[in-house]
Amino acid sequence: MSNEPTTPSANNVTFSQQKLQLIRETLVPPEITPDQFDLFINICKHLNLDPFKRQIFALPFRGKRNDEQSRLIVHTSIEGYRAISARSGRYEGIAFEKILVTDKDGTDQILTPPEFNPARHKLVSATVGLHVTGYRSPVYATALWDSYCPTYDGKPSGLWLKHPLLMLLKCAEALAHRKAALADFSGVYVTEELHAAMAEEAPDAKQTARKTTKKTTTPDSLTECWNTVAAYLEATAPEGKADEALVAAMNFLEKTFGDIGTAEDTPENRQKFMNTCRGPLLNYLAEEGLTKKGAPR
């Protein structure tokens, strides 16, 4: 049995120069560099996913280091992962789904997803197995709750608060697809994994968000300023609009504050950045329906 990944080849997606220009102008954030854009398009072609169908997305992210440019994070939906695996001809569906929970009395239990009761159970992990031709048994992978769930003020944020089981199962399934090596998923995450992927790039990001209090404070760098704002937007954006809110915020800040990557990292600029975010930015996003009124404290 070979574990070598196969590259999707059926009905390969292609882009004319006109389509490339349209993707660049309308579907990709302006912070993406030309080299990153070329890489994104190559990943689209390699995985045979179409950004016009909202199957794959590019997101710029600046880690905790003061890099000269943001890093490219490519993400897709779990349906995109399934489509990629299906094209290999070896993916035969989900074989197994189990979750580990802690009951109210402190007892650990292994349950099936329908048995999960959020009023009684605290999620610990989810395990998903895939039927894959060439493997004698299902390919299993486990996702830990603490490793993937984004939090704000100590509570799960966004869809992780509304649909915790679904989100964790998607992360476990994505891990299983990568483990089965049905295609080369290197560097491509499903949307539900984005927070964990971004935390790997900037380990202090979640801590920055968790350490915020009602007292207005200014982070120690412009990068941490952005991480604080991004964590807030991720936690308060309407369902399915977190990415749209982040991109809208970056575009707004570029026009009102300037390029954070080239701005001088001084206390005055940090305060100016946070004042812009606490006032004009959040008012703008609230009017656009991309966040609730308020401010990252």
Protein backbone atom coordinates (compact mmCIF):
# COMPACT_ATOMS: atom_id res chain seq x y z
CA MET A 1 0.00 0.00 0.00
CA SER A 2 1.29 3.44 -0.93
CA ASN A 3 0.73 6.51 1.21
CA GLU A 4 1.84 8.87 -1.55
CA PRO A 5 -0.68 11.68 -2.08
CA THR A 6 -2.44 11.99 -5.39
CA THR A 7 -3.05 15.29 -7.11
CA PRO A 8 -6.62 16.09 -8.22
CA SER A 9 -6.74 16.08 -12.00
CA ALA A 10 -10.35 15.71 -13.17
CA ASN A 11 -11.93 18.87 -14.63
CA ASN A 12 -8.95 20.99 -13.65
CA VAL A 13 -9.83 24.56 -12.77
CA THR A 14 -8.17 27.15 -15.01
CA PHE A 15 -8.04 30.94 -14.95
CA SER A 16 -7.75 33.35 -17.85
CA GLN A 17 -5.83 36.58 -17.39
CA GLN A 18 -9.17 38.37 -17.05
CA LYS A 19 -10.27 35.99 -14.28
CA LEU A 20 -6.92 36.32 -12.52
CA GLN A 21 -7.29 40.09 -12.51
CA LEU A 22 -10.85 39.77 -11.19
CA ILE A 23 -9.74 37.45 -8.39
CA ARG A 24 -6.95 39.83 -7.50
CA GLU A 25 -9.26 42.86 -7.44
CA THR A 26 -12.37 41.39 -5.81
CA LEU A 27 -11.69 38.12 -3.98
CA VAL A 28 -8.22 38.54 -2.49
CA PRO A 29 -7.36 41.08 0.23
CA PRO A 30 -5.03 43.85 -0.95
CA GLU A 31 -2.46 42.87 1.71
CA ILE A 32 -1.66 39.71 -0.29
CA THR A 33 1.64 40.24 -2.12
CA PRO A 34 2.13 39.30 -5.80
CA ASP A 35 4.19 36.25 -4.80
CA GLN A 36 1.54 35.18 -2.29
CA PHE A 37 -1.16 35.66 -4.92
CA ASP A 38 0.75 33.43 -7.36
CA LEU A 39 1.11 30.82 -4.61
CA PHE A 40 -2.61 31.02 -3.84
CA ILE A 41 -3.53 30.51 -7.50
CA ASN A 42 -1.15 27.55 -7.75
CA ILE A 43 -2.80 26.00 -4.68
CA CYS A 44 -6.23 26.58 -6.26
CA LYS A 45 -5.09 24.76 -9.40
CA HIS A 46 -3.34 21.99 -7.46
CA LEU A 47 -6.40 21.29 -5.33
CA ASN A 48 -8.82 22.03 -8.19
CA LEU A 49 -10.85 24.48 -6.12
CA ASP A 50 -12.48 27.63 -7.48
CA PRO A 51 -12.37 30.90 -5.49
CA PHE A 52 -15.32 32.19 -7.56
CA LYS A 53 -17.42 29.39 -6.04
CA ARG A 54 -16.16 30.36 -2.56
CA GLN A 55 -14.43 26.98 -2.27
CA ILE A 56 -11.06 28.38 -1.24
CA PHE A 57 -9.91 31.61 0.38
CA ALA A 58 -6.69 33.57 0.96
CA LEU A 59 -6.16 35.36 4.25
CA PRO A 60 -3.18 37.54 5.17
CA PHE A 61 -1.97 37.19 8.74
CA ARG A 62 0.87 38.87 10.56
CA GLY A 63 2.50 36.77 13.28
CA LYS A 64 3.99 38.00 16.53
CA ARG A 65 7.34 38.64 14.87
CA ASN A 66 7.77 42.01 13.19
CA ASP A 67 7.97 40.51 9.71
CA GLU A 68 8.18 42.82 6.73
CA GLN A 69 5.02 41.31 5.24
CA SER A 70 2.04 39.28 6.36
CA ARG A 71 1.92 35.53 5.84
CA LEU A 72 -0.51 33.72 3.58
CA ILE A 73 -3.06 31.40 5.16
CA VAL A 74 -5.17 29.40 2.70
CA HIS A 75 -8.40 27.88 3.92
CA THR A 76 -11.36 26.00 2.49
CA SER A 77 -14.54 24.35 3.70
CA ILE A 78 -14.80 20.75 4.87
CA GLU A 79 -16.84 20.13 1.73
CA GLY A 80 -13.80 21.24 -0.24
CA TYR A 81 -11.67 18.68 1.59
CA ARG A 82 -14.23 15.96 0.83
CA ALA A 83 -14.36 16.93 -2.84
CA ILE A 84 -10.57 16.83 -3.10
CA SER A 85 -10.41 13.41 -1.44
CA ALA A 86 -13.27 12.06 -3.58
CA ARG A 87 -11.36 12.90 -6.77
CA SER A 88 -8.62 10.52 -5.67
CA GLY A 89 -11.02 7.61 -6.18
CA ARG A 90 -10.04 6.15 -2.79
CA TYR A 91 -12.21 8.11 -0.37
CA GLU A 92 -15.31 6.13 0.63
CA GLY A 93 -16.87 8.33 3.30
CA ILE A 94 -16.92 8.61 7.07
CA ALA A 95 -16.62 5.34 8.96
CA PHE A 96 -16.60 6.43 12.56
CA GLU A 97 -17.40 9.42 14.77
CA LYS A 98 -16.90 9.37 18.54
CA ILE A 99 -16.48 12.09 21.15
CA LEU A 100 -14.89 12.18 24.58
CA VAL A 101 -16.79 14.29 27.09
CA THR A 102 -16.70 15.06 30.79
CA ASP A 103 -20.07 14.72 32.52
CA LYS A 104 -21.33 17.11 35.18
CA ASP A 105 -20.17 14.70 37.87
CA GLY A 106 -16.63 14.73 36.45
CA THR A 107 -16.88 11.33 34.77
CA ASP A 108 -15.29 10.92 31.32
CA GLN A 109 -17.49 9.22 28.73
CA ILE A 110 -17.11 8.15 25.11
CA LEU A 111 -20.28 8.96 23.17
CA THR A 112 -21.63 9.08 19.64
CA PRO A 113 -22.46 12.59 18.38
CA PRO A 114 -26.27 12.17 18.79
CA GLU A 115 -25.72 11.40 22.48
CA PHE A 116 -24.03 14.74 23.15
CA ASN A 117 -25.98 17.04 25.46
CA PRO A 118 -24.34 20.49 25.81
CA ALA A 119 -26.24 21.05 29.06
CA ARG A 120 -24.59 17.98 30.64
CA HIS A 121 -21.39 17.35 28.74
CA LYS A 122 -18.15 19.27 28.30
CA LEU A 123 -16.34 18.37 25.08
CA VAL A 124 -12.80 17.06 25.46
CA SER A 125 -12.06 15.63 22.00
CA ALA A 126 -13.60 14.29 18.80
CA THR A 127 -12.34 11.36 16.74
CA VAL A 128 -13.29 10.72 13.12
CA GLY A 129 -12.43 7.72 10.96
CA LEU A 130 -12.52 7.61 7.16
CA HIS A 131 -13.01 4.63 4.86
CA VAL A 132 -10.09 4.75 2.44
CA THR A 133 -9.31 2.20 -0.26
CA GLY A 134 -5.92 0.61 0.39
CA TYR A 135 -6.14 0.77 4.17
CA ARG A 136 -7.19 -2.34 6.10
CA SER A 137 -8.95 -0.26 8.73
CA PRO A 138 -10.38 3.27 8.83
CA VAL A 139 -7.95 6.18 9.04
CA TYR A 140 -8.54 7.88 12.41
CA ALA A 141 -7.67 11.34 13.69
CA THR A 142 -8.50 13.13 16.94
CA ALA A 143 -9.01 16.85 17.54
CA LEU A 144 -8.73 18.24 21.08
CA TRP A 145 -11.19 20.90 22.20
CA ASP A 146 -8.55 23.01 23.93
CA SER A 147 -6.37 23.02 20.82
CA TYR A 148 -9.02 24.30 18.40
CA CYS A 149 -11.76 26.23 20.20
CA PRO A 150 -11.23 30.02 19.99
CA THR A 151 -12.26 31.92 23.11
CA TYR A 152 -13.09 35.48 24.01
CA ASP A 153 -13.32 36.54 27.67
CA GLY A 154 -12.90 32.87 28.60
CA LYS A 155 -15.90 31.64 26.55
CA PRO A 156 -16.10 29.90 23.14
CA SER A 157 -16.62 32.44 20.39
CA GLY A 158 -18.66 32.55 17.21
CA LEU A 159 -19.93 29.25 15.86
CA TRP A 160 -17.92 27.39 18.49
CA LEU A 161 -20.42 28.67 21.04
CA LYS A 162 -23.48 27.85 18.93
CA HIS A 163 -22.35 24.54 17.38
CA PRO A 164 -19.41 23.20 19.42
CA LEU A 165 -19.79 19.55 18.42
CA LEU A 166 -20.09 20.26 14.69
CA MET A 167 -17.04 22.50 14.69
CA LEU A 168 -14.82 20.03 16.54
CA LEU A 169 -15.94 17.12 14.34
CA LYS A 170 -15.00 19.12 11.23
CA CYS A 171 -11.50 19.70 12.64
CA ALA A 172 -11.08 16.00 13.38
CA GLU A 173 -12.31 15.07 9.90
CA ALA A 174 -9.88 17.52 8.30
CA LEU A 175 -7.03 15.91 10.26
CA ALA A 176 -8.14 12.49 9.03
CA HIS A 177 -8.19 13.64 5.39
CA ARG A 178 -4.64 14.93 5.74
CA LYS A 179 -3.52 11.76 7.50
CA ALA A 180 -4.98 9.57 4.74
CA ALA A 181 -2.84 11.50 2.22
CA LEU A 182 -5.49 11.37 -0.48
CA ALA A 183 -4.12 14.66 -1.80
CA ASP A 184 -1.48 17.18 -0.86
CA PHE A 185 -3.24 19.36 1.72
CA SER A 186 0.00 20.94 2.94
CA GLY A 187 -0.58 24.41 4.32
CA VAL A 188 -4.32 24.38 3.58
CA TYR A 189 -6.74 24.45 6.50
CA VAL A 190 -10.50 24.13 6.77
CA THR A 191 -12.15 27.30 8.06
CA GLU A 192 -12.86 25.72 11.44
CA GLU A 193 -9.10 25.26 11.96
CA LEU A 194 -8.21 28.87 11.19
CA HIS A 195 -7.93 30.04 14.77
CA ALA A 196 -5.55 27.21 15.68
CA ALA A 197 -3.51 27.77 12.51
CA MET A 198 -3.20 31.49 13.21
CA ALA A 199 -2.29 30.77 16.83
CA GLU A 200 0.61 28.61 15.60
CA GLU A 201 1.84 31.59 13.60
CA ALA A 202 1.36 33.95 16.56
CA PRO A 203 1.31 32.00 19.84
CA ASP A 204 0.67 35.16 21.85
CA ALA A 205 -2.48 36.11 19.95
CA LYS A 206 -4.94 34.13 22.05
CA GLN A 207 -3.22 35.14 25.26
CA THR A 208 -3.47 38.78 24.22
CA ALA A 209 -7.22 38.42 23.69
CA ARG A 210 -7.72 36.51 26.95
CA LYS A 211 -5.72 38.99 29.01
CA THR A 212 -7.82 41.96 27.96
CA THR A 213 -9.96 43.50 30.71
CA LYS A 214 -12.59 46.17 30.94
CA LYS A 215 -9.83 48.67 31.58
CA THR A 216 -8.69 50.20 28.30
CA THR A 217 -5.11 49.18 27.60
CA THR A 218 -2.74 49.52 24.67
CA PRO A 219 -0.82 46.38 23.57
CA ASP A 220 2.98 46.37 23.43
CA SER A 221 3.28 46.41 19.64
CA LEU A 222 1.25 47.21 16.52
CA THR A 223 1.14 43.49 15.77
CA GLU A 224 -0.42 42.78 19.16
CA CYS A 225 -2.84 45.66 18.56
CA TRP A 226 -4.04 43.94 15.39
CA ASN A 227 -4.17 40.52 17.09
CA THR A 228 -6.40 41.99 19.82
CA VAL A 229 -8.75 43.55 17.28
CA ALA A 230 -8.78 40.42 15.09
CA ALA A 231 -9.66 38.22 18.09
CA TYR A 232 -12.51 40.58 18.98
CA LEU A 233 -13.89 40.58 15.44
CA GLU A 234 -13.61 36.82 15.22
CA ALA A 235 -15.63 36.52 18.43
CA THR A 236 -18.36 39.05 17.55
CA ALA A 237 -18.89 38.65 13.80
CA PRO A 238 -22.24 37.20 12.70
CA GLU A 239 -22.34 33.55 11.74
CA GLY A 240 -20.22 32.88 8.66
CA LYS A 241 -18.93 36.46 8.37
CA ALA A 242 -15.73 36.40 10.43
CA ASP A 243 -13.47 36.36 7.35
CA GLU A 244 -15.49 39.13 5.69
CA ALA A 245 -15.20 41.23 8.86
CA LEU A 246 -11.42 40.75 9.02
CA VAL A 247 -10.93 41.72 5.37
CA ALA A 248 -13.24 44.75 5.73
CA ALA A 249 -11.32 45.82 8.83
CA MET A 250 -7.97 45.57 7.06
CA ASN A 251 -9.25 47.61 4.10
CA PHE A 252 -10.73 50.26 6.41
CA LEU A 253 -7.58 50.53 8.51
CA GLU A 254 -5.38 50.83 5.42
CA LYS A 255 -7.40 53.89 4.37
CA THR A 256 -7.72 55.51 7.80
CA PHE A 257 -4.54 54.48 9.63
CA GLY A 258 -2.18 53.32 6.90
CA ASP A 259 -0.17 50.16 6.34
CA ILE A 260 0.45 48.58 9.73
CA GLY A 261 3.38 46.66 8.25
CA THR A 262 5.33 49.82 7.41
CA ALA A 263 4.09 52.14 10.17
CA GLU A 264 6.61 53.09 12.85
CA ASP A 265 5.96 50.96 15.94
CA THR A 266 5.73 53.71 18.57
CA PRO A 267 3.44 54.13 21.61
CA GLU A 268 1.78 57.05 19.86
CA ASN A 269 1.00 54.98 16.75
CA ARG A 270 -0.29 52.08 18.86
CA GLN A 271 -2.64 54.41 20.68
CA LYS A 272 -3.75 55.98 17.39
CA PHE A 273 -4.38 52.51 15.93
CA MET A 274 -6.48 51.36 18.90
CA ASN A 275 -8.43 54.63 18.98
CA THR A 276 -9.22 54.14 15.28
CA CYS A 277 -10.40 50.60 16.00
CA ARG A 278 -12.42 51.43 19.12
CA GLY A 279 -14.30 54.22 17.37
CA PRO A 280 -14.52 54.61 13.58
CA LEU A 281 -13.71 51.00 12.65
CA LEU A 282 -16.26 49.33 14.91
CA ASN A 283 -18.93 51.87 14.01
CA TYR A 284 -18.27 51.17 10.34
CA LEU A 285 -18.39 47.37 10.79
CA ALA A 286 -21.55 47.62 12.90
CA GLU A 287 -23.24 49.65 10.15
CA GLU A 288 -22.18 46.98 7.64
CA GLY A 289 -23.61 44.25 9.89
CA LEU A 290 -20.18 42.67 10.43
CA THR A 291 -19.91 43.08 14.21
CA LYS A 292 -21.91 44.23 17.20
CA LYS A 293 -21.44 47.75 18.57
CA GLY A 294 -18.76 47.90 21.19
CA ALA A 295 -15.00 47.89 21.40
CA PRO A 296 -12.11 45.56 22.16
CA ARG A 297 -11.16 46.54 25.69
